Protein backbone atom coordinates (compact mmCIF):
# COMPACT_ATOMS: atom_id res chain seq x y z
CA UNK A 1 163.34 71.25 113.65
CA UNK A 2 164.73 73.68 111.24
CA UNK A 3 162.73 72.46 108.65
CA UNK A 4 159.53 73.24 110.50
CA UNK A 5 160.63 76.39 111.60
CA UNK A 6 161.45 77.42 107.92
CA UNK A 7 158.07 76.32 106.89
CA UNK A 8 156.53 78.61 109.48
CA UNK A 9 158.68 81.51 108.25
CA UNK A 10 157.37 80.61 104.81
CA UNK A 11 153.69 80.61 105.74
CA UNK A 12 154.20 83.87 107.90
CA UNK A 13 155.49 85.48 104.78
CA UNK A 14 152.60 84.18 102.60
CA UNK A 15 150.03 85.52 105.34
CA UNK A 16 151.82 89.15 105.03
CA UNK A 17 151.96 88.79 101.12
CA UNK A 18 148.11 87.82 100.90
CA UNK A 19 147.23 90.68 103.51
CA UNK A 20 148.87 93.01 101.45
CA UNK A 21 147.32 91.97 98.32
CA UNK A 22 143.88 91.73 99.99
CA UNK A 23 144.55 95.48 101.06
CA UNK A 24 145.01 96.61 97.35
CA UNK A 25 142.46 94.05 95.55
CA UNK A 26 140.54 96.04 92.90
CA UNK A 27 137.37 94.70 94.12
CA UNK A 28 135.58 92.90 96.64
CA UNK A 29 135.29 89.46 95.00
CA UNK A 30 139.34 89.42 94.68
CA UNK A 31 139.54 90.83 98.29
CA UNK A 32 137.30 87.81 99.80
CA UNK A 33 139.19 85.35 97.65
CA UNK A 34 142.46 86.52 98.79
CA UNK A 35 140.96 86.50 102.43
CA UNK A 36 140.20 82.88 102.23
CA UNK A 37 143.47 82.06 101.19
CA UNK A 38 144.68 84.15 104.19
CA UNK A 39 142.84 82.18 106.39
CA UNK A 40 144.19 78.98 105.05
CA UNK A 41 147.77 80.32 105.50
CA UNK A 42 146.76 81.03 109.33
CA UNK A 43 145.65 77.51 109.51
CA UNK A 44 148.90 76.14 108.00
CA UNK A 45 150.93 78.13 110.53
CA UNK A 46 148.79 76.88 113.34
CA UNK A 47 149.36 73.29 112.26
CA UNK A 48 153.18 73.77 112.02
CA UNK A 49 153.28 75.28 115.68
CA UNK A 50 151.31 72.26 116.82
CA UNK A 51 153.71 69.94 115.13
CA UNK A 52 156.72 72.09 116.46
CA UNK A 53 155.24 71.91 120.23
CA UNK A 54 154.53 68.43 120.03
CA UNK A 55 158.15 67.63 118.85
CA UNK A 56 159.44 69.59 121.70
CA UNK A 57 157.38 67.87 124.49
CA UNK A 58 158.19 64.42 123.11
């Protein structure tokens, strides 16, 4: 469980970093790329949270 929680923290840190980078992106194209990656990271968090919830109820 600790590994899953560590993964969630890592993904959350990635979300924060990509959000910051998108906020200072030099142009719209780069901002859009970073925003897309940000969406992927949110998806990773949802996956890890579902795994954690599933393990807790098993």
